[in-house]
Amino acid sequence: MPVNVPDGLPAIETLSKENIFLMTEKRARKQDIRPLEIAIVNLMPTKIDTETQLIRLLSNSPLQVHLTLISMSGHVSKNTSEAHMEAFYLSSDEALKRRFDGLIVTGAPVETLPYEQVDYWDKLTKVFEWSRKNVFSSLYICWGVNAALWHFYGIEKRLMDKKLSGVYEIEIYDKTNHLMRGFDDSFLMPQSRYVTVLPDDLKTSELKVIAGSKEAGAVVFANGDRQIFVTGHLEYDDLTLDREYKRDVAAGLPIAVPCNYYPDDDPSKTPLIRWRTYAHQFFANWLNHCVYQETPFDLRDIR
């Protein structure tokens, strides 16, 4: 089944060429079914890339999804046109008037800043509070994880000595968890971050660690089906780490070659993509088991 996206969204052209099944709002209005209402709080600077990546994964399911893109009210995107934001994004202030089956909060390149110095922090915390009673299942990615951990649980972020960058093998600790259905005993996931979460950080909370590794820390953990946390980037396409690495090099940052990404660790060679199957499986599991199977038919019944 398709993802229902706004008419004219740039991702449509890219994903249609990949035979991804999308449905425009005009066509979806003719169908007499209730799609899953999924919102994406897109905090990434390369918003169109992130939209495309997430829609690609949300489409790999027999469920119809109606997508709403959310931006932080008052925040001006430096890398995405104002016209694009006005055409396809709902402000967070407007989003707080609605309810959703699922919410995705992306990462953002603000990991080293204190939360209070992030210009949209107050708006984001309002979204977090609103999600308690108005969203059935929330999925937090990368910096979105750290922000949510601090807000909901008072768990501080841990800055690392150097950036964790590359494709890492992740071990599954809880093989019975339905987020891991269809996975092997271990799987590969891109990581691109300056902060980490250790399993010991979560011991006194309601959060259960589902997967992780010595190098990457706690990578997938959750509070039941209502809050899912993923510190890595299953949504990344084949060249995302490549673009980030070359950007950091051009900026003169002391960045190492992404681990386990380029053949022979040679940035002049085409990167290997070995996480796509796991990415599709994870998002399908989240939609089906954490959202669709449990969310009420009437969103007003969310508790």
Protein backbone atom coordinates (compact mmCIF):
# COMPACT_ATOMS: atom_id res chain seq x y z
CA MET A 1 0.00 0.00 0.00
CA PRO A 2 1.15 3.54 -0.64
CA VAL A 3 2.25 6.49 1.40
CA ASN A 4 -0.17 9.36 0.88
CA VAL A 5 1.96 12.46 0.26
CA PRO A 6 1.20 16.10 -0.56
CA ASP A 7 0.68 16.84 -4.26
CA GLY A 8 3.90 18.12 -5.82
CA LEU A 9 6.33 16.96 -3.10
CA PRO A 10 9.83 16.63 -4.68
CA ALA A 11 10.24 13.10 -3.28
CA ILE A 12 7.47 11.89 -5.61
CA GLU A 13 9.62 12.13 -8.74
CA THR A 14 12.62 10.41 -7.15
CA LEU A 15 10.66 7.58 -5.54
CA SER A 16 8.42 6.98 -8.57
CA LYS A 17 11.55 6.17 -10.57
CA GLU A 18 12.30 3.49 -7.94
CA ASN A 19 8.80 2.01 -8.39
CA ILE A 20 7.86 3.11 -4.85
CA PHE A 21 4.07 3.14 -4.54
CA LEU A 22 2.96 6.66 -3.63
CA MET A 23 -0.50 8.20 -3.64
CA THR A 24 -1.23 11.91 -3.92
CA GLU A 25 -3.78 13.53 -1.64
CA LYS A 26 -6.16 14.03 -4.56
CA ARG A 27 -6.29 10.32 -5.32
CA ALA A 28 -6.39 9.25 -1.67
CA ARG A 29 -9.50 11.32 -0.97
CA LYS A 30 -11.45 9.00 -3.27
CA GLN A 31 -10.73 5.94 -1.09
CA ASP A 32 -13.10 5.04 1.75
CA ILE A 33 -10.56 3.73 4.29
CA ARG A 34 -8.70 5.30 7.18
CA PRO A 35 -4.97 5.52 6.53
CA LEU A 36 -2.48 5.67 9.36
CA GLU A 37 -1.76 9.27 10.26
CA ILE A 38 2.04 9.59 10.51
CA ALA A 39 3.82 12.87 11.26
CA ILE A 40 7.51 13.60 10.70
CA VAL A 41 9.19 16.35 12.69
CA ASN A 42 12.01 16.96 10.24
CA LEU A 43 14.88 18.71 12.02
CA MET A 44 17.55 17.79 9.46
CA PRO A 45 19.02 20.64 7.37
CA THR A 46 18.77 18.60 4.14
CA LYS A 47 15.03 18.29 4.45
CA ILE A 48 14.22 17.00 0.97
CA ASP A 49 16.80 14.21 1.29
CA THR A 50 15.37 13.20 4.67
CA GLU A 51 11.79 13.32 3.38
CA THR A 52 12.73 11.04 0.51
CA GLN A 53 14.60 8.59 2.73
CA LEU A 54 11.80 8.22 5.27
CA ILE A 55 9.00 8.02 2.72
CA ARG A 56 10.92 5.28 0.91
CA LEU A 57 10.85 3.18 4.09
CA LEU A 58 7.30 4.01 5.16
CA SER A 59 6.06 2.82 1.76
CA ASN A 60 7.29 -0.77 2.26
CA SER A 61 4.12 -1.95 3.99
CA PRO A 62 0.60 -3.11 3.04
CA LEU A 63 -0.72 -0.20 5.12
CA GLN A 64 -1.78 3.12 3.66
CA VAL A 65 -0.03 6.01 5.36
CA HIS A 66 -1.07 9.65 5.30
CA LEU A 67 2.01 11.75 5.86
CA THR A 68 2.27 15.14 7.56
CA LEU A 69 5.57 17.01 7.60
CA ILE A 70 6.13 19.27 10.60
CA SER A 71 8.57 22.16 11.06
CA MET A 72 9.36 24.06 14.22
CA SER A 73 7.34 27.26 14.42
CA GLY A 74 9.57 30.34 14.17
CA HIS A 75 12.62 28.41 12.95
CA VAL A 76 13.92 29.40 9.51
CA SER A 77 15.56 26.61 7.53
CA LYS A 78 18.89 27.70 6.02
CA ASN A 79 19.14 24.86 3.50
CA THR A 80 15.57 24.46 2.26
CA SER A 81 13.61 27.08 0.38
CA GLU A 82 10.86 29.03 2.06
CA ALA A 83 8.54 28.04 -0.79
CA HIS A 84 9.11 24.34 -0.08
CA MET A 85 8.48 24.78 3.64
CA GLU A 86 5.30 26.76 3.08
CA ALA A 87 3.98 24.31 0.50
CA PHE A 88 4.62 21.02 2.32
CA TYR A 89 5.12 21.65 6.05
CA LEU A 90 2.73 22.20 8.91
CA SER A 91 4.05 24.41 11.71
CA SER A 92 4.46 22.78 15.09
CA ASP A 93 1.94 25.23 16.54
CA GLU A 94 -0.66 23.97 14.07
CA ALA A 95 0.34 20.33 14.57
CA LEU A 96 -0.46 20.58 18.28
CA LYS A 97 -4.13 20.90 17.34
CA ARG A 98 -4.15 17.42 15.77
CA ARG A 99 -3.61 13.77 16.71
CA PHE A 100 -1.53 11.11 14.98
CA ASP A 101 -1.08 7.37 15.04
CA GLY A 102 2.68 7.71 14.71
CA LEU A 103 5.32 10.42 15.08
CA ILE A 104 8.92 10.41 13.82
CA VAL A 105 11.39 12.95 15.23
CA THR A 106 14.61 13.10 13.22
CA GLY A 107 18.13 13.98 14.22
CA ALA A 108 19.67 17.42 13.91
CA PRO A 109 23.28 18.70 13.68
CA VAL A 110 23.15 20.35 17.12
CA GLU A 111 24.50 17.53 19.27
CA THR A 112 27.29 19.53 20.90
CA LEU A 113 25.02 22.44 21.87
CA PRO A 114 23.29 22.62 25.24
CA TYR A 115 19.60 21.98 24.64
CA GLU A 116 18.62 25.45 25.80
CA GLN A 117 20.83 26.98 23.07
CA VAL A 118 18.93 25.22 20.28
CA ASP A 119 16.70 27.98 18.93
CA TYR A 120 13.61 25.77 18.65
CA TRP A 121 14.06 23.89 21.93
CA ASP A 122 11.00 25.39 23.61
CA LYS A 123 8.85 24.52 20.59
CA LEU A 124 10.22 20.98 20.50
CA THR A 125 9.49 20.38 24.18
CA LYS A 126 5.89 21.45 23.53
CA VAL A 127 5.74 18.80 20.80
CA PHE A 128 7.12 16.23 23.24
CA GLU A 129 4.51 17.09 25.85
CA TRP A 130 1.70 17.10 23.29
CA SER A 131 2.79 13.66 22.05
CA ARG A 132 2.03 12.08 25.45
CA LYS A 133 -1.73 12.26 24.84
CA ASN A 134 -2.03 12.89 21.12
CA VAL A 135 0.33 10.37 19.48
CA PHE A 136 0.06 6.61 19.84
CA SER A 137 3.67 5.63 18.99
CA SER A 138 6.68 7.92 18.69
CA LEU A 139 9.95 7.02 16.94
CA TYR A 140 13.01 9.12 17.81
CA ILE A 141 16.17 9.09 15.66
CA CYS A 142 19.75 10.20 16.50
CA TRP A 143 19.69 13.64 18.22
CA GLY A 144 15.93 13.26 18.52
CA VAL A 145 16.74 10.38 20.88
CA ASN A 146 18.95 12.51 23.13
CA ALA A 147 16.46 15.37 23.19
CA ALA A 148 13.59 13.04 24.13
CA LEU A 149 15.66 11.19 26.76
CA TRP A 150 16.51 14.47 28.45
CA HIS A 151 12.96 15.80 28.32
CA PHE A 152 11.08 12.65 29.35
CA TYR A 153 13.60 10.89 31.59
CA GLY A 154 16.23 13.44 32.62
CA ILE A 155 18.97 11.31 31.01
CA GLU A 156 21.89 13.47 29.96
CA LYS A 157 23.71 12.99 26.66
CA ARG A 158 27.24 11.62 26.62
CA LEU A 159 29.63 13.43 24.30
CA MET A 160 32.27 11.15 22.75
CA ASP A 161 35.91 12.03 22.14
CA LYS A 162 35.41 11.69 18.38
CA LYS A 163 32.56 11.29 15.96
CA LEU A 164 31.09 7.83 15.55
CA SER A 165 30.82 7.51 11.79
CA GLY A 166 30.37 4.46 9.62
CA VAL A 167 28.37 1.25 9.33
CA TYR A 168 28.48 -0.82 12.49
CA GLU A 169 27.41 -4.34 13.36
CA ILE A 170 24.63 -4.25 15.94
CA GLU A 171 23.79 -7.20 18.18
CA ILE A 172 20.19 -8.00 19.05
CA TYR A 173 19.74 -8.45 22.80
CA ASP A 174 15.98 -9.10 22.76
CA LYS A 175 15.21 -11.38 19.82
CA THR A 176 11.56 -11.68 20.85
CA ASN A 177 10.84 -7.97 20.42
CA HIS A 178 8.58 -7.41 17.43
CA LEU A 179 10.72 -4.51 16.19
CA MET A 180 13.36 -7.15 15.42
CA ARG A 181 11.03 -9.57 13.65
CA GLY A 182 12.69 -10.87 10.47
CA PHE A 183 16.17 -9.75 11.58
CA ASP A 184 19.28 -11.91 11.83
CA ASP A 185 21.14 -12.26 15.16
CA SER A 186 23.06 -9.10 14.25
CA PHE A 187 22.57 -6.42 11.62
CA LEU A 188 24.31 -3.41 10.11
CA MET A 189 23.30 0.19 10.76
CA PRO A 190 24.87 3.53 9.76
CA GLN A 191 25.95 5.74 12.66
CA SER A 192 26.80 9.44 12.44
CA ARG A 193 26.94 11.18 15.81
CA TYR A 194 29.04 12.81 18.49
CA VAL A 195 26.99 11.50 21.42
CA THR A 196 26.16 8.05 22.71
CA VAL A 197 23.77 6.30 25.08
CA LEU A 198 25.10 3.50 27.29
CA PRO A 199 22.88 0.65 28.49
CA ASP A 200 23.69 1.61 32.09
CA ASP A 201 22.19 5.05 31.44
CA LEU A 202 18.78 3.43 30.98
CA LYS A 203 18.73 1.01 33.92
CA THR A 204 16.65 3.19 36.24
CA SER A 205 14.06 4.10 33.58
CA GLU A 206 11.18 2.22 31.96
CA LEU A 207 13.30 1.81 28.84
CA LYS A 208 14.42 -1.62 27.65
CA VAL A 209 17.50 -2.04 25.47
CA ILE A 210 16.69 -4.14 22.40
CA ALA A 211 19.93 -3.90 20.39
CA GLY A 212 23.37 -2.33 20.63
CA SER A 213 27.11 -2.92 20.56
CA LYS A 214 30.28 -2.10 22.47
CA GLU A 215 31.24 0.61 19.98
CA ALA A 216 27.80 2.10 19.36
CA GLY A 217 26.28 1.72 22.83
CA ALA A 218 22.52 1.24 23.20
CA VAL A 219 21.21 1.57 19.64
CA VAL A 220 17.57 0.45 19.77
CA PHE A 221 15.56 0.75 22.99
CA ALA A 222 11.96 1.39 23.85
CA ASN A 223 9.28 2.08 26.41
CA GLY A 224 6.80 -0.53 25.20
CA ASP A 225 5.32 0.43 21.84
CA ARG A 226 4.69 4.06 22.75
CA GLN A 227 8.28 5.36 22.57
CA ILE A 228 10.92 3.85 20.27
CA PHE A 229 14.50 5.16 20.21
CA VAL A 230 17.09 4.52 17.47
CA THR A 231 20.46 6.24 17.83
CA GLY A 232 21.61 5.37 14.30
CA HIS A 233 20.34 6.03 10.80
CA LEU A 234 18.67 3.08 9.11
CA GLU A 235 17.01 5.62 6.83
CA TYR A 236 20.30 6.79 5.25
CA ASP A 237 20.69 6.13 1.54
CA ASP A 238 23.89 4.81 -0.01
CA LEU A 239 25.69 8.17 -0.30
CA THR A 240 24.54 10.02 2.83
CA LEU A 241 27.62 9.11 4.89
CA ASP A 242 29.79 9.92 1.88
CA ARG A 243 28.31 13.42 1.63
CA GLU A 244 28.69 14.00 5.36
CA TYR A 245 32.30 12.80 5.37
CA LYS A 246 33.28 15.02 2.44
CA ARG A 247 31.46 17.97 4.01
CA ASP A 248 33.40 17.50 7.27
CA VAL A 249 36.70 17.17 5.39
CA ALA A 250 35.97 20.36 3.42
CA ALA A 251 35.23 22.13 6.72
CA GLY A 252 38.63 21.08 8.09
CA LEU A 253 37.18 18.95 10.87
CA PRO A 254 39.31 16.14 12.35
CA ILE A 255 37.13 13.38 10.92
CA ALA A 256 38.16 9.77 10.27
CA VAL A 257 37.07 7.78 7.23
CA PRO A 258 33.65 6.22 8.02
CA CYS A 259 34.16 2.72 9.40
CA ASN A 260 33.14 -0.31 7.32
CA TYR A 261 31.66 1.87 4.56
CA TYR A 262 34.05 2.31 1.63
CA PRO A 263 35.71 -0.76 0.09
CA ASP A 264 39.22 -1.01 1.55
CA ASP A 265 38.40 2.18 3.54
CA ASP A 266 39.14 4.12 0.34
CA PRO A 267 36.87 7.20 -0.03
CA SER A 268 37.54 7.25 -3.78
CA LYS A 269 35.61 3.96 -4.14
CA THR A 270 31.85 3.57 -4.34
CA PRO A 271 30.41 2.91 -0.85
CA LEU A 272 28.81 -0.41 -0.03
CA ILE A 273 25.19 -0.39 1.14
CA ARG A 274 24.43 -3.35 3.39
CA TRP A 275 21.65 -2.11 5.66
CA ARG A 276 18.75 -1.52 3.24
CA THR A 277 16.93 -4.80 3.98
CA TYR A 278 17.09 -4.18 7.72
CA ALA A 279 15.87 -0.61 7.27
CA HIS A 280 12.77 -1.68 5.35
CA GLN A 281 12.07 -4.46 7.84
CA PHE A 282 12.42 -2.20 10.87
CA PHE A 283 10.04 0.49 9.61
CA ALA A 284 7.53 -2.13 8.46
CA ASN A 285 7.69 -3.69 11.94
CA TRP A 286 7.18 -0.33 13.62
CA LEU A 287 4.19 0.55 11.44
CA ASN A 288 2.55 -2.84 11.76
CA HIS A 289 3.26 -3.93 15.32
CA CYS A 290 3.71 -0.68 17.25
CA VAL A 291 1.21 1.49 15.39
CA TYR A 292 -1.40 -0.32 13.29
CA GLN A 293 -2.06 -3.28 15.62
CA GLU A 294 -2.71 -1.12 18.68
CA THR A 295 -3.74 2.41 17.70
CA PRO A 296 -7.46 3.18 18.15
CA PHE A 297 -9.61 3.60 15.05
CA ASP A 298 -10.78 6.94 16.41
CA LEU A 299 -7.73 9.05 17.25
CA ARG A 300 -9.75 10.84 19.92
CA ASP A 301 -9.50 7.62 21.93
CA ILE A 302 -5.72 7.82 22.33
CA ARG A 303 -4.78 7.63 26.00
